[in-house]
């Protein structure tokens, strides 16, 4: 780990921001633990609590297993890096996350990945198929965005947020997956379900598939909704996941 990652900013930020930093760093470690990281080319953001429209992103060039609460980078919606930080950010990450946080005040956390299985499904014309419980748990809430190259162009923001609308998951065609949430657990568990569904779909292809219709899709979605909306469950589940990170990837909360 880079020695600079050990410089704590805990005493330079509010207690609310410090908690957000620890939660976000834990999310980065969870993604690394799943093997869903793509070196340092994907990103998770979290809105900084408070009236300013600031959010946190990973320091560009550090691996996910080296992300800590202190080395996360705080930026505003114009892309200005705000102190304290010794790092820059991924320009494509800023394009995607600034667009979402500006357009969706309800979004506290946004996650974007480039996994093999997520990209594989994003390249399929029919997208996510209703062939697994994991898929049907989320697919009613999945939007799609057409490929426009690496997300560096300012004018893509408008189309990205228009395609996302009020949904909380997105498949970016030929690119990857994206989820949002009002809580770190909501964002994470949506991605967990989506990524598992994509993996199941790629494993099942080549055989005759059993696809379920809209009635079953609606039923499973309604049955699974508690995982995303129940406040008590979100807190309990997130504490359990933070505990897993504490055991398997300690040092994120410094």
Protein backbone atom coordinates (compact mmCIF):
# COMPACT_ATOMS: atom_id res chain seq x y z
CA UNK A 1 0.00 0.00 0.00
CA UNK A 2 1.16 3.54 -0.78
CA UNK A 3 2.49 5.16 2.41
CA UNK A 4 0.44 8.27 1.70
CA UNK A 5 -2.71 6.21 2.21
CA UNK A 6 -1.83 6.07 5.92
CA UNK A 7 -2.25 9.83 6.47
CA UNK A 8 -5.58 10.13 8.29
CA UNK A 9 -8.01 12.97 7.58
CA UNK A 10 -10.40 11.95 10.34
CA UNK A 11 -9.76 15.11 12.35
CA UNK A 12 -10.17 17.35 9.26
CA UNK A 13 -13.71 16.35 8.31
CA UNK A 14 -17.08 16.12 10.05
CA UNK A 15 -18.15 12.93 11.83
CA UNK A 16 -20.80 12.44 9.14
CA UNK A 17 -18.26 12.71 6.33
CA UNK A 18 -15.89 10.36 8.14
CA UNK A 19 -18.62 7.72 8.40
CA UNK A 20 -19.37 8.13 4.69
CA UNK A 21 -15.68 7.73 3.91
CA UNK A 22 -15.44 4.53 5.95
CA UNK A 23 -18.58 3.10 4.36
CA UNK A 24 -17.36 3.89 0.86
CA UNK A 25 -13.90 2.46 1.49
CA UNK A 26 -15.59 -0.71 2.76
CA UNK A 27 -17.55 -0.92 -0.51
CA UNK A 28 -14.31 -0.73 -2.50
CA UNK A 29 -12.86 -3.56 -0.43
CA UNK A 30 -16.02 -5.67 -0.94
CA UNK A 31 -15.76 -5.25 -4.70
CA UNK A 32 -12.11 -6.31 -4.54
CA UNK A 33 -13.03 -9.31 -2.39
CA UNK A 34 -15.57 -10.43 -5.03
CA UNK A 35 -12.96 -10.09 -7.78
CA UNK A 36 -15.15 -7.49 -9.50
CA UNK A 37 -12.50 -4.78 -9.68
CA UNK A 38 -10.89 -3.78 -13.00
CA UNK A 39 -7.55 -2.53 -11.69
CA UNK A 40 -8.52 1.11 -10.97
CA UNK A 41 -10.78 1.69 -13.99
CA UNK A 42 -14.19 1.43 -12.32
CA UNK A 43 -15.63 3.52 -9.55
CA UNK A 44 -18.02 3.89 -6.65
CA UNK A 45 -19.14 7.28 -5.37
CA UNK A 46 -20.87 8.47 -2.22
CA UNK A 47 -22.53 11.80 -1.58
CA UNK A 48 -20.96 13.74 1.29
CA UNK A 49 -23.61 14.53 3.92
CA UNK A 50 -24.44 18.22 4.05
CA UNK A 51 -25.88 21.02 1.92
CA UNK A 52 -23.00 21.17 -0.56
CA UNK A 53 -23.19 18.95 -3.63
CA UNK A 54 -19.93 17.14 -2.94
CA UNK A 55 -19.19 13.47 -3.42
CA UNK A 56 -16.34 11.04 -2.84
CA UNK A 57 -14.52 8.93 -5.47
CA UNK A 58 -11.57 6.57 -5.48
CA UNK A 59 -8.09 8.02 -6.01
CA UNK A 60 -7.25 7.26 -9.64
CA UNK A 61 -4.28 4.90 -9.84
CA UNK A 62 -4.78 3.11 -6.53
CA UNK A 63 -6.05 -0.47 -6.50
CA UNK A 64 -9.34 -1.12 -4.74
CA UNK A 65 -7.61 -3.08 -1.98
CA UNK A 66 -5.61 0.06 -1.19
CA UNK A 67 -8.55 2.44 -0.93
CA UNK A 68 -9.02 3.87 2.56
CA UNK A 69 -11.34 6.37 4.20
CA UNK A 70 -8.57 8.97 4.15
CA UNK A 71 -7.35 8.64 0.57
CA UNK A 72 -10.79 8.95 -1.02
CA UNK A 73 -11.05 12.11 -3.12
CA UNK A 74 -13.78 14.72 -2.51
CA UNK A 75 -15.01 16.63 -5.56
CA UNK A 76 -17.79 19.06 -6.45
CA UNK A 77 -20.10 18.86 -9.45
CA UNK A 78 -17.66 20.91 -11.55
CA UNK A 79 -14.88 18.40 -10.97
CA UNK A 80 -12.85 20.51 -8.55
CA UNK A 81 -10.85 18.34 -6.16
CA UNK A 82 -11.43 19.62 -2.66
CA UNK A 83 -8.88 19.27 0.16
CA UNK A 84 -7.78 17.12 1.84
CA UNK A 85 -6.40 14.99 -1.03
CA UNK A 86 -3.12 14.09 -2.70
CA UNK A 87 -4.77 12.35 -5.65
CA UNK A 88 -6.78 12.90 -8.80
CA UNK A 89 -9.87 11.13 -10.11
CA UNK A 90 -10.83 9.06 -13.14
CA UNK A 91 -12.32 11.51 -15.71
CA UNK A 92 -14.84 8.93 -16.93
CA UNK A 93 -15.81 8.25 -13.35
CA UNK A 94 -16.47 11.92 -12.79
CA UNK A 95 -18.65 12.14 -15.91
CA UNK A 96 -20.87 9.26 -14.84
CA UNK A 97 -21.12 10.00 -11.12
CA UNK A 98 -21.47 13.77 -11.33
CA UNK A 99 -24.35 13.33 -13.77
CA UNK A 100 -26.15 10.91 -11.46
CA UNK A 101 -25.61 12.86 -8.23
CA UNK A 102 -26.73 16.10 -9.86
CA UNK A 103 -29.88 14.64 -11.43
CA UNK A 104 -30.88 12.29 -8.59
CA UNK A 105 -30.78 13.85 -5.10
CA UNK A 106 -32.16 10.57 -3.75
CA UNK A 107 -28.97 8.74 -4.75
CA UNK A 108 -26.42 8.60 -1.96
CA UNK A 109 -24.23 5.89 -3.51
CA UNK A 110 -23.54 4.90 -7.14
CA UNK A 111 -21.44 1.95 -8.31
CA UNK A 112 -20.15 1.15 -11.80
CA UNK A 113 -18.33 -2.07 -12.74
CA UNK A 114 -16.76 -3.78 -15.78
CA UNK A 115 -16.96 -7.45 -14.80
CA UNK A 116 -16.61 -10.16 -17.44
CA UNK A 117 -20.16 -11.40 -16.88
CA UNK A 118 -21.66 -7.91 -16.67
CA UNK A 119 -20.03 -6.82 -19.91
CA UNK A 120 -21.02 -10.11 -21.56
CA UNK A 121 -24.71 -9.52 -20.82
CA UNK A 122 -24.40 -5.84 -21.75
CA UNK A 123 -23.29 -6.98 -25.22
CA UNK A 124 -26.42 -9.11 -25.75
CA UNK A 125 -29.29 -7.58 -27.70
CA UNK A 126 -31.96 -8.81 -25.27
CA UNK A 127 -30.05 -7.75 -22.18
CA UNK A 128 -30.88 -9.34 -18.84
CA UNK A 129 -33.23 -12.32 -19.17
CA UNK A 130 -35.84 -13.52 -16.62
CA UNK A 131 -34.23 -16.92 -16.14
CA UNK A 132 -33.14 -16.72 -12.51
CA UNK A 133 -34.51 -15.51 -9.20
CA UNK A 134 -31.60 -13.09 -8.94
CA UNK A 135 -32.53 -11.51 -12.28
CA UNK A 136 -36.22 -11.22 -11.46
CA UNK A 137 -35.41 -9.63 -8.10
CA UNK A 138 -34.01 -6.59 -9.91
CA UNK A 139 -34.85 -6.59 -13.62
CA UNK A 140 -38.01 -4.49 -13.24
CA UNK A 141 -35.69 -1.74 -11.96
CA UNK A 142 -33.06 -2.08 -14.74
CA UNK A 143 -32.51 0.66 -17.35
CA UNK A 144 -30.29 0.53 -20.45
CA UNK A 145 -27.88 3.06 -21.94
CA UNK A 146 -26.39 2.81 -25.43
CA UNK A 147 -22.64 2.71 -25.90
CA UNK A 148 -21.00 6.05 -26.74
CA UNK A 149 -17.34 5.18 -26.15
CA UNK A 150 -15.41 5.91 -22.95
CA UNK A 151 -17.57 8.25 -20.89
CA UNK A 152 -15.54 11.42 -21.34
CA UNK A 153 -17.94 13.68 -23.23
CA UNK A 154 -19.93 16.26 -21.28
CA UNK A 155 -23.01 15.92 -23.48
CA UNK A 156 -23.37 12.21 -22.65
CA UNK A 157 -24.44 13.15 -19.13
CA UNK A 158 -27.89 14.28 -20.28
CA UNK A 159 -28.55 11.05 -22.15
CA UNK A 160 -27.20 8.91 -19.32
CA UNK A 161 -29.51 10.37 -16.69
CA UNK A 162 -32.46 10.39 -19.11
CA UNK A 163 -31.97 6.67 -19.72
CA UNK A 164 -31.59 5.97 -16.00
CA UNK A 165 -34.75 7.91 -15.15
CA UNK A 166 -36.03 6.88 -11.74
CA UNK A 167 -34.58 3.36 -11.89
CA UNK A 168 -31.77 2.16 -9.66
CA UNK A 169 -29.90 -0.25 -11.92
CA UNK A 170 -28.49 0.20 -15.41
CA UNK A 171 -26.82 -1.96 -18.02
CA UNK A 172 -24.50 0.17 -20.13
CA UNK A 173 -24.41 -1.61 -23.47
CA UNK A 174 -21.01 -3.10 -24.39
CA UNK A 175 -19.62 -1.48 -21.25
CA UNK A 176 -20.80 -2.78 -17.88
CA UNK A 177 -23.22 -2.45 -14.99
CA UNK A 178 -24.30 0.36 -12.68
CA UNK A 179 -26.39 0.54 -9.52
CA UNK A 180 -27.52 3.29 -7.17
CA UNK A 181 -28.95 3.46 -3.67
CA UNK A 182 -29.96 5.66 -0.79
CA UNK A 183 -27.71 3.56 1.49
CA UNK A 184 -24.43 1.70 0.91
CA UNK A 185 -26.16 -1.65 1.39
CA UNK A 186 -28.94 -0.88 -1.10
CA UNK A 187 -26.42 0.02 -3.80
CA UNK A 188 -24.26 -3.01 -3.00
CA UNK A 189 -27.03 -5.60 -2.84
CA UNK A 190 -28.50 -4.40 -6.14
CA UNK A 191 -25.10 -4.90 -7.75
CA UNK A 192 -24.71 -8.25 -6.03
CA UNK A 193 -28.01 -9.46 -7.47
CA UNK A 194 -27.34 -7.99 -10.92
CA UNK A 195 -23.83 -9.40 -11.20
CA UNK A 196 -24.93 -12.86 -10.02
CA UNK A 197 -27.83 -12.77 -12.50
CA UNK A 198 -25.42 -11.88 -15.31
CA UNK A 199 -23.09 -14.71 -14.33
CA UNK A 200 -25.97 -17.21 -14.20
CA UNK A 201 -27.18 -16.05 -17.60
CA UNK A 202 -23.78 -16.53 -19.23
CA UNK A 203 -23.42 -19.98 -17.61
CA UNK A 204 -26.87 -21.07 -18.78
CA UNK A 205 -26.53 -19.97 -22.39
CA UNK A 206 -26.16 -22.71 -24.95
CA UNK A 207 -29.03 -24.69 -23.42
CA UNK A 208 -32.78 -24.23 -23.89
CA UNK A 209 -33.70 -21.55 -21.35
CA UNK A 210 -36.79 -21.33 -19.17
CA UNK A 211 -37.93 -17.69 -19.22
CA UNK A 212 -40.65 -16.37 -16.90
CA UNK A 213 -43.28 -13.83 -17.93
CA UNK A 214 -44.23 -10.45 -16.50
CA UNK A 215 -46.51 -11.81 -13.76
CA UNK A 216 -43.73 -13.88 -12.21
CA UNK A 217 -41.21 -11.08 -12.71
CA UNK A 218 -43.49 -8.66 -10.84
CA UNK A 219 -44.13 -11.19 -8.09
CA UNK A 220 -40.45 -11.92 -7.43
CA UNK A 221 -39.55 -8.25 -7.59
CA UNK A 222 -42.20 -7.40 -4.97
CA UNK A 223 -41.08 -10.28 -2.76
CA UNK A 224 -37.45 -9.16 -2.82
CA UNK A 225 -38.07 -5.44 -2.42
CA UNK A 226 -37.57 -5.50 1.36
CA UNK A 227 -33.84 -5.99 0.89
CA UNK A 228 -33.67 -2.56 -0.74
CA UNK A 229 -36.25 -0.59 1.25
CA UNK A 230 -36.44 -1.87 4.84
CA UNK A 231 -34.39 0.57 6.90
CA UNK A 232 -33.82 -1.81 9.82
CA UNK A 233 -32.67 -4.61 7.52
CA UNK A 234 -30.32 -2.29 5.62
CA UNK A 235 -28.54 -1.26 8.82
CA UNK A 236 -28.24 -4.83 10.14
CA UNK A 237 -27.06 -6.19 6.79
CA UNK A 238 -24.56 -3.38 6.23
CA UNK A 239 -23.08 -3.87 9.71
CA UNK A 240 -22.61 -7.57 8.87
CA UNK A 241 -20.86 -6.72 5.60
CA UNK A 242 -18.63 -4.16 7.32
CA UNK A 243 -17.74 -6.96 9.74
CA UNK A 244 -16.72 -9.17 6.83
CA UNK A 245 -14.46 -6.42 5.51
CA UNK A 246 -13.00 -5.93 9.00
CA UNK A 247 -12.02 -9.60 9.04
CA UNK A 248 -10.88 -10.09 5.45
CA UNK A 249 -9.56 -6.70 4.35
CA UNK A 250 -8.70 -4.64 7.44
CA UNK A 251 -7.23 -1.17 7.29
CA UNK A 252 -9.85 0.51 5.11
CA UNK A 253 -11.17 2.69 7.95
CA UNK A 254 -8.05 4.78 8.51
